[in-house]
Protein backbone atom coordinates (compact mmCIF):
# COMPACT_ATOMS: atom_id res chain seq x y z
CA MET A 1 0.00 0.00 0.00
CA THR A 2 1.34 3.41 -0.93
CA ALA A 3 1.89 5.94 1.84
CA PHE A 4 1.27 9.64 1.58
CA ILE A 5 2.49 12.61 3.59
CA ALA A 6 -0.28 13.99 5.80
CA PRO A 7 -0.74 17.74 6.34
CA VAL A 8 1.15 17.39 9.63
CA GLY A 9 4.18 16.32 7.58
CA GLU A 10 4.21 12.68 8.66
CA PRO A 11 3.62 9.60 6.48
CA ARG A 12 0.28 7.81 6.70
CA CYS A 13 -1.17 4.66 5.12
CA GLY A 14 -2.49 5.30 1.62
CA TRP A 15 -6.12 4.56 2.58
CA ALA A 16 -6.10 7.43 5.08
CA GLY A 17 -5.54 9.97 2.32
CA GLY A 18 -8.67 9.10 0.35
CA VAL A 19 -10.85 11.84 1.83
CA PRO A 20 -10.38 14.19 4.81
CA GLU A 21 -12.59 12.18 7.16
CA PHE A 22 -10.41 9.10 6.60
CA LEU A 23 -7.36 10.97 7.87
CA ASP A 24 -9.32 12.20 10.89
CA HIS A 25 -10.46 8.63 11.55
CA ARG A 26 -6.94 7.23 11.18
CA ASP A 27 -5.32 9.87 13.40
CA GLY A 28 -8.03 10.07 16.03
CA GLU A 29 -9.67 6.67 16.25
CA TRP A 30 -8.23 3.80 14.18
CA GLY A 31 -6.01 1.54 16.23
CA PHE A 32 -6.46 3.46 19.47
CA PRO A 33 -7.14 1.21 22.44
CA VAL A 34 -10.83 0.94 23.29
CA VAL A 35 -11.77 -0.27 26.74
CA ASP A 36 -15.19 1.40 26.89
CA ASP A 37 -17.86 -1.24 26.28
CA ARG A 38 -20.32 1.12 24.63
CA LEU A 39 -17.75 2.46 22.17
CA LEU A 40 -16.51 -1.04 21.47
CA PHE A 41 -20.06 -2.21 20.71
CA GLU A 42 -20.55 0.82 18.46
CA LYS A 43 -17.42 0.01 16.51
CA ILE A 44 -18.35 -3.67 16.12
CA SER A 45 -21.80 -2.67 14.93
CA LEU A 46 -20.67 0.00 12.48
CA GLU A 47 -18.03 -2.28 10.99
CA GLY A 48 -20.71 -4.89 10.44
CA PHE A 49 -22.86 -2.37 8.63
CA ARG A 50 -19.89 -1.15 6.59
CA SER A 51 -19.16 -4.64 5.28
CA GLY A 52 -19.77 -4.74 1.54
CA LEU A 53 -20.30 -0.99 1.26
CA GLY A 54 -18.11 1.94 0.28
CA ARG A 55 -15.81 3.25 3.01
CA ARG A 56 -17.74 6.53 3.32
CA THR A 57 -21.30 5.19 3.54
CA VAL A 58 -21.52 4.25 7.22
CA PRO A 59 -19.20 6.86 8.76
CA ALA A 60 -21.21 9.59 7.04
CA GLU A 61 -24.33 8.36 8.85
CA ARG A 62 -22.72 7.62 12.22
CA GLU A 63 -24.95 10.00 14.20
CA ASN A 64 -28.05 8.47 12.60
CA PHE A 65 -26.87 5.02 13.66
CA ARG A 66 -26.31 6.28 17.20
CA LYS A 67 -29.85 7.61 17.36
CA ALA A 68 -31.34 4.48 15.82
CA PHE A 69 -29.46 2.11 18.15
CA ALA A 70 -29.97 3.90 21.49
CA GLY A 71 -26.48 5.39 21.53
CA PHE A 72 -25.15 1.83 21.12
CA ASP A 73 -26.01 1.04 24.71
CA PHE A 74 -25.92 -2.72 24.26
CA HIS A 75 -28.16 -3.28 27.27
CA LEU A 76 -30.90 -1.25 25.57
CA VAL A 77 -30.31 -2.70 22.09
CA ALA A 78 -30.50 -6.23 23.52
CA GLU A 79 -34.13 -5.48 24.40
CA PHE A 80 -35.09 -4.61 20.81
CA THR A 81 -37.91 -6.81 19.55
CA GLU A 82 -38.98 -7.83 16.05
CA ALA A 83 -41.10 -4.67 16.03
CA GLY A 84 -37.95 -2.68 16.82
CA VAL A 85 -36.16 -4.30 13.89
CA ASP A 86 -39.14 -3.47 11.64
CA ARG A 87 -39.02 0.14 12.89
CA LEU A 88 -35.32 0.36 12.05
CA LEU A 89 -36.01 -0.97 8.56
CA GLN A 90 -38.02 2.21 7.99
CA ASP A 91 -35.25 4.57 9.18
CA PRO A 92 -33.84 6.40 6.13
CA GLY A 93 -30.76 7.48 8.09
CA ILE A 94 -29.21 4.01 8.36
CA VAL A 95 -28.39 1.09 6.11
CA LEU A 96 -31.66 -0.78 5.60
CA HIS A 97 -30.48 -4.37 5.74
CA ARG A 98 -32.49 -6.74 7.91
CA GLY A 99 -29.61 -9.15 8.44
CA LYS A 100 -27.24 -6.44 9.61
CA ILE A 101 -29.85 -4.88 11.90
CA GLU A 102 -30.71 -8.27 13.41
CA ALA A 103 -26.99 -8.99 13.84
CA VAL A 104 -26.56 -5.81 15.90
CA VAL A 105 -29.46 -6.83 18.13
CA ASP A 106 -28.07 -10.37 18.47
CA ASN A 107 -24.59 -9.01 19.17
CA ALA A 108 -26.05 -6.74 21.86
CA ARG A 109 -27.53 -9.79 23.56
CA ARG A 110 -24.15 -11.51 23.37
CA ALA A 111 -22.46 -8.40 24.77
CA VAL A 112 -24.83 -8.54 27.76
CA ASP A 113 -23.81 -12.18 28.25
CA LEU A 114 -20.11 -11.27 27.99
CA ALA A 115 -20.57 -8.51 30.56
CA ALA A 116 -21.98 -11.11 32.94
CA GLU A 117 -19.31 -13.73 32.14
CA GLU A 118 -16.17 -11.61 31.72
CA GLY A 119 -16.98 -8.38 33.51
CA SER A 120 -17.27 -6.59 30.18
CA PRO A 121 -17.08 -7.25 26.43
CA ALA A 122 -13.85 -5.23 26.29
CA ALA A 123 -12.34 -7.52 28.94
CA PHE A 124 -13.07 -10.47 26.65
CA PHE A 125 -11.21 -8.96 23.69
CA TRP A 126 -8.34 -7.61 25.76
CA ARG A 127 -7.61 -10.81 27.68
CA GLY A 128 -5.80 -12.25 24.66
CA GLU A 129 -3.51 -9.26 24.17
CA PRO A 130 0.09 -10.38 23.81
CA GLY A 131 2.77 -8.90 26.01
CA PRO A 132 5.30 -6.48 24.49
CA ASP A 133 7.84 -9.25 23.98
CA GLU A 134 5.25 -11.48 22.27
CA VAL A 135 4.24 -9.13 19.45
CA ASP A 136 5.32 -10.22 15.98
CA PRO A 137 6.72 -7.70 13.51
CA PRO A 138 4.16 -6.09 11.19
CA GLN A 139 2.93 -8.41 8.47
CA THR A 140 3.23 -7.84 4.77
CA VAL A 141 1.60 -9.73 1.93
CA SER A 142 4.64 -11.97 1.81
CA THR A 143 4.53 -12.83 5.54
CA SER A 144 0.77 -13.30 5.89
CA PRO A 145 -0.45 -16.91 6.04
CA ALA A 146 -1.68 -18.31 2.74
CA GLU A 147 -4.78 -19.71 4.41
CA PRO A 148 -6.73 -18.03 7.18
CA GLY A 149 -6.55 -19.73 10.51
CA ARG A 150 -7.14 -19.18 14.16
CA CYS A 151 -6.27 -15.75 15.46
CA GLU A 152 -2.86 -15.83 17.11
CA GLY A 153 -3.03 -14.54 20.66
CA ALA A 154 -6.78 -14.98 20.90
CA PRO A 155 -8.22 -16.35 24.09
CA PRO A 156 -8.01 -20.14 23.57
CA ASP A 157 -11.72 -20.70 24.15
CA ALA A 158 -12.84 -17.74 22.05
CA ASP A 159 -14.77 -18.30 18.85
CA PRO A 160 -17.13 -15.47 17.92
CA VAL A 161 -19.03 -17.70 15.49
CA THR A 162 -19.92 -20.43 17.94
CA ASP A 163 -20.17 -17.91 20.76
CA GLY A 164 -23.05 -16.31 18.87
CA TRP A 165 -21.59 -13.16 17.28
CA PRO A 166 -23.44 -12.99 13.93
CA MET A 167 -21.23 -10.30 12.42
CA PHE A 168 -18.12 -12.47 12.56
CA ASP A 169 -18.31 -15.06 9.81
CA ARG A 170 -14.91 -16.48 10.80
CA TRP A 171 -12.54 -15.92 13.66
CA CYS A 172 -9.91 -14.97 11.07
CA ARG A 173 -11.65 -11.57 10.71
CA CYS A 174 -11.02 -10.93 14.37
CA PRO A 175 -7.34 -9.88 14.09
CA VAL A 176 -8.36 -6.96 11.89
CA PHE A 177 -11.06 -5.98 14.35
CA ARG A 178 -8.72 -6.37 17.28
CA GLN A 179 -6.05 -4.22 15.69
CA ALA A 180 -8.04 -1.52 13.96
CA LEU A 181 -10.95 -1.15 16.32
CA THR A 182 -9.67 -1.98 19.76
CA GLY A 183 -5.96 -1.26 19.59
CA VAL A 184 -5.17 -4.83 20.67
CA LEU A 185 -2.09 -6.16 18.87
CA GLY A 186 -0.57 -2.70 18.74
CA GLY A 187 -3.08 -1.13 16.37
CA GLY A 188 -0.40 0.02 13.94
CA ARG A 189 0.51 3.02 16.07
């Protein structure tokens, strides 16, 4: 990926230079550690909605998503019923995709379970963080595994698919989430 020089005079990943809001996201949010459960649930949810869409679609409607999903308070979202899903399918300010909306509600229910089991959803994701001497050097295309596999450093009993997280189709997506959205694994900072 080609780097570019940001207005502050420092190099940034090429994707961050696409539009101004990408640079703001990269410098103010991407890869920063997230230990707040509400913000973590928001990021999981928005990434799920962004899947398959252009990079700008969901971030441009972030405030609408916050309003639609009770500020991403997962305790409140977990109480959404089928009627709530139907209501959201009429909201022109969000992505109108039943599967993605239902996944957010299902993930909220799982987040409530994780809060009871682990103390918090963030605690679940952070418990597999490697120590400073256990972090591998940054990967490149040539050093990435040819076939996706289990997330290195993940809690050994963790499997978002079987644990009921609908927005994770494979655990192999989790390293990207853990790096970009939670800051676990160094976050590229």
